[in-house]
């Protein structure tokens, strides 16, 4: 390891996250707040912690994330991807573990656009036969 810190970007829906990690004492912040304080839901906090749990690096890395855009679910997914990518840069031996768990794959799902002549993307106006 020639560098001391590693940065990566993650995206999900409309959210973009940038994570910087380095070996340290386990500091973890998202937009200068703790994950629990920022994401508010335990499910989202668990989702963000998945890359560290699978690679057994929980508490061994200092992680600073900046995230913008979208809602909390999208931001949690973006942070998770950014952390997983940064960990794979930090230690390339951990990449197969992250890849096997699907943590290095970007989720391509996004909101479908609204079509003309319809109230929403797939919803139709009520059909009247008579």
C-alpha atoms as a PDB file:
ATOM      1  CA  UNK A   1       0.000   0.000   0.000  1.00  0.00           C
ATOM      2  CA  UNK A   2       1.686   3.147  -1.194  1.00  0.00           C
ATOM      3  CA  UNK A   3      -1.169   5.530  -0.454  1.00  0.00           C
ATOM      4  CA  UNK A   4      -2.537   6.158   3.018  1.00  0.00           C
ATOM      5  CA  UNK A   5      -6.124   6.941   2.033  1.00  0.00           C
ATOM      6  CA  UNK A   6      -8.356   5.575  -0.713  1.00  0.00           C
ATOM      7  CA  UNK A   7     -11.379   7.288  -2.254  1.00  0.00           C
ATOM      8  CA  UNK A   8     -14.266   5.903  -4.274  1.00  0.00           C
ATOM      9  CA  UNK A   9     -17.626   7.031  -5.635  1.00  0.00           C
ATOM     10  CA  UNK A  10     -20.948   5.213  -5.357  1.00  0.00           C
ATOM     11  CA  UNK A  11     -24.295   5.956  -6.991  1.00  0.00           C
ATOM     12  CA  UNK A  12     -27.843   4.742  -6.403  1.00  0.00           C
ATOM     13  CA  UNK A  13     -31.029   6.243  -7.865  1.00  0.00           C
ATOM     14  CA  UNK A  14     -30.341  10.008  -7.765  1.00  0.00           C
ATOM     15  CA  UNK A  15     -27.780   9.862  -4.930  1.00  0.00           C
ATOM     16  CA  UNK A  16     -24.023  10.235  -5.273  1.00  0.00           C
ATOM     17  CA  UNK A  17     -21.651   9.346  -2.431  1.00  0.00           C
ATOM     18  CA  UNK A  18     -17.915   9.866  -2.071  1.00  0.00           C
ATOM     19  CA  UNK A  19     -16.111   7.762   0.529  1.00  0.00           C
ATOM     20  CA  UNK A  20     -12.543   8.236   1.762  1.00  0.00           C
ATOM     21  CA  UNK A  21     -11.098   5.413   3.875  1.00  0.00           C
ATOM     22  CA  UNK A  22      -7.832   4.856   5.663  1.00  0.00           C
ATOM     23  CA  UNK A  23      -6.564   2.391   8.224  1.00  0.00           C
ATOM     24  CA  UNK A  24      -7.324   3.783  11.657  1.00  0.00           C
ATOM     25  CA  UNK A  25      -9.406   3.596  14.788  1.00  0.00           C
ATOM     26  CA  UNK A  26     -12.893   3.088  13.385  1.00  0.00           C
ATOM     27  CA  UNK A  27     -14.221   6.636  12.882  1.00  0.00           C
ATOM     28  CA  UNK A  28     -17.299   6.529  10.618  1.00  0.00           C
ATOM     29  CA  UNK A  29     -19.148   9.670   9.526  1.00  0.00           C
ATOM     30  CA  UNK A  30     -21.670  10.483   6.821  1.00  0.00           C
ATOM     31  CA  UNK A  31     -21.953  14.228   6.112  1.00  0.00           C
ATOM     32  CA  UNK A  32     -20.243  14.939   9.469  1.00  0.00           C
ATOM     33  CA  UNK A  33     -22.790  12.858  11.422  1.00  0.00           C
ATOM     34  CA  UNK A  34     -22.788   9.299  12.708  1.00  0.00           C
ATOM     35  CA  UNK A  35     -24.539   6.759  10.426  1.00  0.00           C
ATOM     36  CA  UNK A  36     -27.342   6.210  12.966  1.00  0.00           C
ATOM     37  CA  UNK A  37     -27.882   9.942  13.350  1.00  0.00           C
ATOM     38  CA  UNK A  38     -27.854  10.615   9.590  1.00  0.00           C
ATOM     39  CA  UNK A  39     -29.732   7.594   8.181  1.00  0.00           C
ATOM     40  CA  UNK A  40     -32.197   7.347  11.126  1.00  0.00           C
ATOM     41  CA  UNK A  41     -33.278   3.738  10.360  1.00  0.00           C
ATOM     42  CA  UNK A  42     -31.426   0.658  11.642  1.00  0.00           C
ATOM     43  CA  UNK A  43     -32.056  -1.197   8.363  1.00  0.00           C
ATOM     44  CA  UNK A  44     -30.170   1.476   6.421  1.00  0.00           C
ATOM     45  CA  UNK A  45     -27.335   1.567   8.961  1.00  0.00           C
ATOM     46  CA  UNK A  46     -26.991  -2.233   8.656  1.00  0.00           C
ATOM     47  CA  UNK A  47     -26.949  -1.906   4.861  1.00  0.00           C
ATOM     48  CA  UNK A  48     -24.131   0.664   5.016  1.00  0.00           C
ATOM     49  CA  UNK A  49     -22.125  -1.579   7.386  1.00  0.00           C
ATOM     50  CA  UNK A  50     -22.332  -4.673   5.113  1.00  0.00           C
ATOM     51  CA  UNK A  51     -18.982  -4.152   3.298  1.00  0.00           C
ATOM     52  CA  UNK A  52     -17.113  -3.946   6.629  1.00  0.00           C
ATOM     53  CA  UNK A  53     -18.920  -6.962   8.083  1.00  0.00           C
ATOM     54  CA  UNK A  54     -18.195  -9.225   5.109  1.00  0.00           C
ATOM     55  CA  UNK A  55     -14.526  -8.215   4.954  1.00  0.00           C
ATOM     56  CA  UNK A  56     -14.095  -8.231   8.754  1.00  0.00           C
ATOM     57  CA  UNK A  57     -12.724  -4.675   8.753  1.00  0.00           C
ATOM     58  CA  UNK A  58     -15.379  -3.222  11.079  1.00  0.00           C
ATOM     59  CA  UNK A  59     -13.710  -0.833  13.542  1.00  0.00           C
ATOM     60  CA  UNK A  60     -10.335  -1.014  11.753  1.00  0.00           C
ATOM     61  CA  UNK A  61     -10.970   1.705   9.153  1.00  0.00           C
ATOM     62  CA  UNK A  62     -11.651   5.427   9.335  1.00  0.00           C
ATOM     63  CA  UNK A  63     -14.449   6.210   6.877  1.00  0.00           C
ATOM     64  CA  UNK A  64     -15.576   9.694   5.904  1.00  0.00           C
ATOM     65  CA  UNK A  65     -18.480   9.914   3.431  1.00  0.00           C
ATOM     66  CA  UNK A  66     -20.033  12.877   1.667  1.00  0.00           C
ATOM     67  CA  UNK A  67     -23.391  12.152   0.036  1.00  0.00           C
ATOM     68  CA  UNK A  68     -25.898  14.313  -1.820  1.00  0.00           C
ATOM     69  CA  UNK A  69     -29.084  13.938  -3.820  1.00  0.00           C
ATOM     70  CA  UNK A  70     -32.018  11.563  -3.557  1.00  0.00           C
ATOM     71  CA  UNK A  71     -33.579  10.188  -0.396  1.00  0.00           C
ATOM     72  CA  UNK A  72     -32.226   8.212   2.526  1.00  0.00           C
ATOM     73  CA  UNK A  73     -32.602   4.786   0.868  1.00  0.00           C
ATOM     74  CA  UNK A  74     -30.751   5.885  -2.249  1.00  0.00           C
ATOM     75  CA  UNK A  75     -28.082   7.598  -0.177  1.00  0.00           C
ATOM     76  CA  UNK A  76     -27.548   4.461   1.917  1.00  0.00           C
ATOM     77  CA  UNK A  77     -27.108   2.383  -1.253  1.00  0.00           C
ATOM     78  CA  UNK A  78     -24.672   4.930  -2.688  1.00  0.00           C
ATOM     79  CA  UNK A  79     -22.607   4.991   0.522  1.00  0.00           C
ATOM     80  CA  UNK A  80     -22.520   1.179   0.628  1.00  0.00           C
ATOM     81  CA  UNK A  81     -21.197   0.988  -2.941  1.00  0.00           C
ATOM     82  CA  UNK A  82     -18.615   3.745  -2.337  1.00  0.00           C
ATOM     83  CA  UNK A  83     -17.303   2.000   0.804  1.00  0.00           C
ATOM     84  CA  UNK A  84     -17.124  -1.378  -0.955  1.00  0.00           C
ATOM     85  CA  UNK A  85     -15.195   0.131  -3.870  1.00  0.00           C
ATOM     86  CA  UNK A  86     -12.791   1.928  -1.533  1.00  0.00           C
ATOM     87  CA  UNK A  87     -12.153  -1.275   0.463  1.00  0.00           C
ATOM     88  CA  UNK A  88     -11.397  -3.150  -2.772  1.00  0.00           C
ATOM     89  CA  UNK A  89      -8.856  -0.419  -3.642  1.00  0.00           C
ATOM     90  CA  UNK A  90      -7.342  -0.619  -0.154  1.00  0.00           C
ATOM     91  CA  UNK A  91      -6.911  -4.396  -0.297  1.00  0.00           C
ATOM     92  CA  UNK A  92      -7.413  -6.053  -3.718  1.00  0.00           C
ATOM     93  CA  UNK A  93      -7.472  -9.485  -1.998  1.00  0.00           C
ATOM     94  CA  UNK A  94     -10.883  -8.584  -0.517  1.00  0.00           C
ATOM     95  CA  UNK A  95     -12.427  -7.845  -3.928  1.00  0.00           C
ATOM     96  CA  UNK A  96     -13.643 -11.444  -4.591  1.00  0.00           C
ATOM     97  CA  UNK A  97     -15.470 -11.467  -1.243  1.00  0.00           C
ATOM     98  CA  UNK A  98     -17.207  -8.171  -2.023  1.00  0.00           C
ATOM     99  CA  UNK A  99     -17.976  -9.263  -5.586  1.00  0.00           C
ATOM    100  CA  UNK A 100     -19.497 -12.565  -4.409  1.00  0.00           C
ATOM    101  CA  UNK A 101     -21.820 -10.736  -1.999  1.00  0.00           C
ATOM    102  CA  UNK A 102     -22.866  -8.332  -4.787  1.00  0.00           C
ATOM    103  CA  UNK A 103     -21.500  -5.242  -3.055  1.00  0.00           C
ATOM    104  CA  UNK A 104     -19.439  -3.999  -6.019  1.00  0.00           C
ATOM    105  CA  UNK A 105     -22.372  -4.021  -8.464  1.00  0.00           C
ATOM    106  CA  UNK A 106     -24.214  -0.759  -9.032  1.00  0.00           C
ATOM    107  CA  UNK A 107     -27.988  -1.105  -8.720  1.00  0.00           C
ATOM    108  CA  UNK A 108     -29.280   0.163 -12.103  1.00  0.00           C
ATOM    109  CA  UNK A 109     -32.902   0.609 -11.008  1.00  0.00           C
ATOM    110  CA  UNK A 110     -34.224   4.147 -11.231  1.00  0.00           C
ATOM    111  CA  UNK A 111     -37.620   5.833 -11.413  1.00  0.00           C
ATOM    112  CA  UNK A 112     -39.428   5.155 -14.680  1.00  0.00           C
ATOM    113  CA  UNK A 113     -40.456   8.243 -16.598  1.00  0.00           C
ATOM    114  CA  UNK A 114     -44.070   9.383 -16.860  1.00  0.00           C
ATOM    115  CA  UNK A 115     -45.716   8.672 -20.219  1.00  0.00           C
ATOM    116  CA  UNK A 116     -48.054  11.098 -21.977  1.00  0.00           C
ATOM    117  CA  UNK A 117     -51.753  10.275 -21.858  1.00  0.00           C
ATOM    118  CA  UNK A 118     -51.334   8.576 -18.469  1.00  0.00           C
ATOM    119  CA  UNK A 119     -51.415   9.964 -14.927  1.00  0.00           C
ATOM    120  CA  UNK A 120     -48.170   8.187 -13.927  1.00  0.00           C
ATOM    121  CA  UNK A 121     -45.535   5.910 -15.480  1.00  0.00           C
ATOM    122  CA  UNK A 122     -47.745   2.808 -15.658  1.00  0.00           C
ATOM    123  CA  UNK A 123     -51.073   3.894 -14.190  1.00  0.00           C
ATOM    124  CA  UNK A 124     -53.856   4.395 -16.745  1.00  0.00           C
ATOM    125  CA  UNK A 125     -56.944   6.563 -16.644  1.00  0.00           C
ATOM    126  CA  UNK A 126     -60.111   4.607 -15.859  1.00  0.00           C
ATOM    127  CA  UNK A 127     -61.668   2.924 -18.880  1.00  0.00           C
ATOM    128  CA  UNK A 128     -65.383   3.483 -19.416  1.00  0.00           C
ATOM    129  CA  UNK A 129     -67.172   1.139 -21.788  1.00  0.00           C
ATOM    130  CA  UNK A 130     -70.439   3.141 -21.881  1.00  0.00           C
END
